[in-house]
Protein backbone atom coordinates (compact mmCIF):
# COMPACT_ATOMS: atom_id res chain seq x y z
CA UNK A 1 -52.50 98.15 -164.09
CA UNK A 2 -49.10 99.52 -163.10
CA UNK A 3 -47.08 100.65 -166.16
CA UNK A 4 -43.29 100.68 -166.07
CA UNK A 5 -41.43 102.38 -168.94
CA UNK A 6 -37.93 101.20 -169.76
CA UNK A 7 -35.39 101.62 -172.61
CA UNK A 8 -36.65 105.17 -173.05
CA UNK A 9 -36.38 107.65 -174.59
CA UNK A 10 -35.29 106.16 -177.93
CA UNK A 11 -36.73 102.63 -178.05
CA UNK A 12 -39.15 102.55 -175.14
CA UNK A 13 -41.01 99.46 -173.94
CA UNK A 14 -43.89 99.54 -171.46
CA UNK A 15 -44.25 96.67 -169.00
CA UNK A 16 -47.84 96.57 -167.76
CA UNK A 17 -48.03 94.88 -164.36
CA UNK A 18 -51.45 93.31 -163.84
CA UNK A 19 -53.28 92.22 -160.71
CA UNK A 20 -54.81 88.71 -160.57
CA UNK A 21 -57.41 88.32 -163.36
CA UNK A 22 -56.99 91.97 -164.40
CA UNK A 23 -57.63 92.74 -168.11
CA UNK A 24 -55.93 95.37 -170.26
CA UNK A 25 -56.64 96.40 -173.84
CA UNK A 26 -53.70 96.80 -176.21
CA UNK A 27 -53.29 97.78 -179.83
CA UNK A 28 -53.23 94.82 -182.21
CA UNK A 29 -49.62 93.78 -182.85
CA UNK A 30 -48.20 95.81 -179.94
CA UNK A 31 -47.44 92.82 -177.68
CA UNK A 32 -43.70 92.07 -177.36
CA UNK A 33 -43.72 89.51 -174.53
CA UNK A 34 -45.77 88.45 -171.51
CA UNK A 35 -45.41 86.36 -168.38
CA UNK A 36 -46.74 82.84 -167.99
CA UNK A 37 -50.46 82.63 -167.37
CA UNK A 38 -51.45 85.76 -169.29
CA UNK A 39 -54.20 85.00 -171.81
CA UNK A 40 -54.64 86.94 -175.06
CA UNK A 41 -57.92 87.34 -176.92
CA UNK A 42 -58.48 89.34 -180.11
CA UNK A 43 -61.84 90.86 -181.03
CA UNK A 44 -63.39 93.92 -182.62
CA UNK A 45 -63.83 95.67 -179.28
CA UNK A 46 -67.60 96.10 -179.41
CA UNK A 47 -68.69 94.42 -182.64
CA UNK A 48 -68.03 94.77 -186.35
CA UNK A 49 -69.32 98.34 -186.55
CA UNK A 50 -67.12 99.38 -183.63
CA UNK A 51 -64.12 97.82 -185.35
CA UNK A 52 -64.90 99.57 -188.64
CA UNK A 53 -65.43 102.88 -186.89
CA UNK A 54 -62.12 102.58 -185.07
CA UNK A 55 -60.22 101.44 -188.17
CA UNK A 56 -61.68 103.78 -190.80
CA UNK A 57 -62.26 106.89 -188.70
CA UNK A 58 -59.50 106.94 -186.10
CA UNK A 59 -56.74 105.11 -187.99
CA UNK A 60 -56.38 102.29 -185.45
CA UNK A 61 -56.50 98.53 -186.04
CA UNK A 62 -59.81 96.79 -186.81
CA UNK A 63 -59.08 94.29 -184.01
CA UNK A 64 -57.94 95.02 -180.47
CA UNK A 65 -56.25 92.58 -178.12
CA UNK A 66 -57.33 92.00 -174.53
CA UNK A 67 -54.67 90.56 -172.23
CA UNK A 68 -55.92 89.03 -168.98
CA UNK A 69 -53.63 88.04 -166.12
CA UNK A 70 -53.90 84.66 -164.43
CA UNK A 71 -54.85 83.93 -160.85
CA UNK A 72 -51.44 85.06 -159.62
CA UNK A 73 -51.21 88.23 -161.73
CA UNK A 74 -48.62 88.85 -164.40
CA UNK A 75 -47.22 91.35 -166.87
CA UNK A 76 -47.21 92.14 -170.58
CA UNK A 77 -44.68 94.19 -172.57
CA UNK A 78 -45.91 96.47 -175.35
CA UNK A 79 -43.95 98.58 -177.84
CA UNK A 80 -44.68 100.94 -180.71
CA UNK A 81 -43.88 100.73 -184.43
CA UNK A 82 -41.86 103.95 -184.65
CA UNK A 83 -38.78 104.58 -182.50
CA UNK A 84 -39.17 106.98 -179.62
CA UNK A 85 -40.58 107.34 -176.15
CA UNK A 86 -43.74 106.09 -174.46
CA UNK A 87 -45.90 108.02 -172.01
CA UNK A 88 -48.52 107.14 -169.42
CA UNK A 89 -51.60 109.35 -169.36
CA UNK A 90 -53.23 109.31 -165.91
CA UNK A 91 -56.92 109.94 -166.54
CA UNK A 92 -59.50 111.41 -164.20
CA UNK A 93 -63.26 111.20 -164.89
CA UNK A 94 -63.59 114.98 -165.24
CA UNK A 95 -60.62 115.44 -167.59
CA UNK A 96 -60.77 113.56 -170.92
CA UNK A 97 -58.04 113.91 -173.56
CA UNK A 98 -57.97 113.94 -177.34
CA UNK A 99 -55.36 111.48 -178.70
CA UNK A 100 -53.88 111.79 -182.18
CA UNK A 101 -54.37 108.93 -184.64
CA UNK A 102 -51.85 106.13 -184.26
CA UNK A 103 -50.60 107.08 -180.78
CA UNK A 104 -52.74 104.77 -178.62
CA UNK A 105 -50.95 101.66 -177.38
CA UNK A 106 -52.85 100.35 -174.31
CA UNK A 107 -55.42 101.33 -171.70
CA UNK A 108 -56.37 99.93 -168.33
CA UNK A 109 -59.73 98.61 -167.16
CA UNK A 110 -61.92 101.56 -166.16
CA UNK A 111 -60.88 103.76 -169.06
CA UNK A 112 -62.49 104.12 -172.48
CA UNK A 113 -60.68 104.91 -175.72
CA UNK A 114 -63.08 105.56 -178.60
CA UNK A 115 -63.13 107.44 -181.95
CA UNK A 116 -63.61 111.17 -181.57
CA UNK A 117 -64.46 113.77 -184.20
CA UNK A 118 -61.77 116.44 -184.05
CA UNK A 119 -63.63 118.99 -186.15
CA UNK A 120 -63.52 120.11 -189.77
CA UNK A 121 -60.24 121.89 -189.08
CA UNK A 122 -58.55 118.55 -188.43
CA UNK A 123 -60.03 117.12 -191.60
CA UNK A 124 -58.52 119.81 -193.81
CA UNK A 125 -55.32 119.81 -191.80
CA UNK A 126 -54.44 116.35 -192.98
CA UNK A 127 -55.05 114.64 -189.65
CA UNK A 128 -58.14 112.81 -190.92
CA UNK A 129 -60.71 114.70 -188.85
CA UNK A 130 -60.95 111.84 -186.34
CA UNK A 131 -58.75 110.80 -183.47
CA UNK A 132 -59.42 109.10 -180.16
CA UNK A 133 -61.03 110.31 -176.96
CA UNK A 134 -59.51 108.87 -173.79
CA UNK A 135 -61.80 109.11 -170.78
CA UNK A 136 -62.57 107.44 -167.46
CA UNK A 137 -60.23 106.74 -164.55
CA UNK A 138 -56.98 104.85 -164.98
CA UNK A 139 -53.95 104.80 -167.26
CA UNK A 140 -53.53 105.03 -171.02
CA UNK A 141 -50.18 104.27 -172.66
CA UNK A 142 -49.36 106.37 -175.73
CA UNK A 143 -46.50 106.09 -178.21
CA UNK A 144 -44.33 109.08 -179.08
CA UNK A 145 -42.26 109.40 -182.25
CA UNK A 146 -39.00 110.83 -180.94
CA UNK A 147 -38.84 112.55 -177.56
CA UNK A 148 -41.79 113.61 -175.39
CA UNK A 149 -42.45 117.24 -174.54
CA UNK A 150 -45.08 118.27 -171.97
CA UNK A 151 -46.45 121.81 -171.99
CA UNK A 152 -48.79 123.20 -169.32
CA UNK A 153 -50.59 126.34 -170.44
CA UNK A 154 -51.90 128.75 -167.84
CA UNK A 155 -54.83 131.09 -168.32
CA UNK A 156 -53.89 133.54 -171.06
CA UNK A 157 -50.95 131.48 -172.37
CA UNK A 158 -50.86 130.74 -176.10
CA UNK A 159 -48.71 128.48 -178.25
CA UNK A 160 -48.54 127.44 -181.91
CA UNK A 161 -47.73 123.79 -182.72
CA UNK A 162 -47.34 121.92 -186.01
CA UNK A 163 -50.20 119.41 -186.28
CA UNK A 164 -47.85 116.48 -186.89
CA UNK A 165 -46.12 116.99 -183.53
CA UNK A 166 -49.25 116.70 -181.38
CA UNK A 167 -49.69 113.49 -179.36
CA UNK A 168 -52.58 114.45 -177.08
CA UNK A 169 -54.24 117.48 -175.53
CA UNK A 170 -56.69 118.32 -172.80
CA UNK A 171 -60.21 118.43 -174.29
CA UNK A 172 -60.94 121.52 -172.19
CA UNK A 173 -58.27 123.52 -174.00
CA UNK A 174 -59.18 126.07 -176.67
CA UNK A 175 -57.62 125.76 -180.12
CA UNK A 176 -57.97 126.63 -183.77
CA UNK A 177 -56.24 125.37 -186.90
CA UNK A 178 -54.76 127.48 -189.67
CA UNK A 179 -52.11 127.41 -192.38
CA UNK A 180 -48.61 127.92 -191.02
CA UNK A 181 -47.88 130.55 -193.68
CA UNK A 182 -50.45 133.24 -194.32
CA UNK A 183 -51.65 133.70 -197.87
CA UNK A 184 -52.39 131.36 -200.73
CA UNK A 185 -51.82 127.61 -200.68
CA UNK A 186 -48.81 127.87 -203.01
CA UNK A 187 -46.99 129.94 -200.38
CA UNK A 188 -47.48 127.18 -197.81
CA UNK A 189 -46.12 124.64 -200.28
CA UNK A 190 -43.03 126.75 -200.98
CA UNK A 191 -42.33 127.17 -197.28
CA UNK A 192 -42.50 123.44 -196.60
CA UNK A 193 -44.91 124.04 -193.73
CA UNK A 194 -48.50 122.81 -193.59
CA UNK A 195 -51.07 123.40 -190.87
CA UNK A 196 -50.61 124.41 -187.25
CA UNK A 197 -52.67 124.51 -184.07
CA UNK A 198 -53.06 127.70 -182.06
CA UNK A 199 -53.70 126.56 -178.47
CA UNK A 200 -54.86 128.82 -175.65
CA UNK A 201 -54.71 127.88 -171.96
CA UNK A 202 -55.51 126.65 -169.49
CA UNK A 203 -54.71 123.05 -170.42
CA UNK A 204 -51.98 120.48 -171.05
CA UNK A 205 -50.34 119.42 -174.31
CA UNK A 206 -48.23 116.35 -175.07
CA UNK A 207 -45.93 116.79 -178.07
CA UNK A 208 -43.47 114.58 -179.98
CA UNK A 209 -40.15 115.85 -181.32
CA UNK A 210 -40.53 114.01 -184.65
CA UNK A 211 -43.32 114.22 -187.22
CA UNK A 212 -44.70 110.88 -188.56
CA UNK A 213 -46.22 112.64 -191.57
CA UNK A 214 -42.80 114.01 -192.53
CA UNK A 215 -41.33 110.50 -192.31
CA UNK A 216 -44.10 109.15 -194.52
CA UNK A 217 -43.48 111.87 -197.10
CA UNK A 218 -39.73 111.17 -197.06
CA UNK A 219 -40.27 107.42 -197.56
CA UNK A 220 -42.56 108.09 -200.53
CA UNK A 221 -40.00 110.39 -202.12
CA UNK A 222 -37.10 108.02 -201.49
CA UNK A 223 -38.85 104.81 -202.55
CA UNK A 224 -38.36 105.21 -206.36
CA UNK A 225 -34.63 105.84 -205.86
CA UNK A 226 -34.27 102.81 -203.61
CA UNK A 227 -36.11 100.59 -206.07
CA UNK A 228 -33.90 101.87 -208.89
CA UNK A 229 -30.75 101.07 -206.92
CA UNK A 230 -31.98 97.55 -206.24
CA UNK A 231 -32.78 97.00 -209.91
CA UNK A 232 -29.34 98.25 -210.89
CA UNK A 233 -27.55 96.04 -208.37
CA UNK A 234 -29.42 92.96 -209.60
CA UNK A 235 -27.89 93.38 -213.05
CA UNK A 236 -24.41 92.77 -211.64
CA UNK A 237 -25.19 89.58 -209.71
CA UNK A 238 -23.00 86.76 -211.17
CA UNK A 239 -24.89 83.97 -212.89
CA UNK A 240 -24.57 80.43 -211.62
CA UNK A 241 -23.50 77.85 -214.29
CA UNK A 242 -26.97 76.28 -214.26
CA UNK A 243 -28.44 79.50 -215.63
CA UNK A 244 -26.71 78.80 -218.96
CA UNK A 245 -29.27 76.11 -219.72
CA UNK A 246 -32.15 78.56 -219.45
CA UNK A 247 -33.55 79.94 -222.71
CA UNK A 248 -32.41 83.45 -223.56
CA UNK A 249 -34.94 86.25 -223.36
């Protein structure tokens, strides 16, 4: 698989160039277009239990799609739900990565992407406890909400990152999770900050400039107002003459 990213950084699309008869696994619903001869097959990716594990624990779809090129090769375009960039993670057998829930988009033959327990800290940090472990040799395509930031930590380097801005990190890196604001929970609520990671090098981090959790919270808060506006606007829609024959309520 040879990935080619275009339309980045705001509305990126990944074109995955495939060799003859080469398969690639993609997230369900991520396919935008493909060349003639590419065959798509949807399955649970290892059985019903594997599908449930991936869906319930790591936040991914129950089904995964396998795209297989024809005898002359081909390509398939994949894109993410949220606007932003895409990145290609080049994996080596001795360097697996932890991938945040919802960021996986595709992976080449020779790599494995499976649910991974991120520790109790992740569970209480609102990230669900589980994510994905990407291992093997090949490429993994990940979605980024906003712009991509890559940070390489050397031995002795430390950095603090909001949990919602993490896309992936080297599994060999050291980290801990804590509240962003020291003290009682009410102080964290007042500050508007939640949990953060303290990372210590050596290792690599992939970050996103926007926080999907913040977007979700904003949508929830704005939804009642939007519904109210729609209800109000409906009251001023002119009636057609035929409506006069309807019984009054």
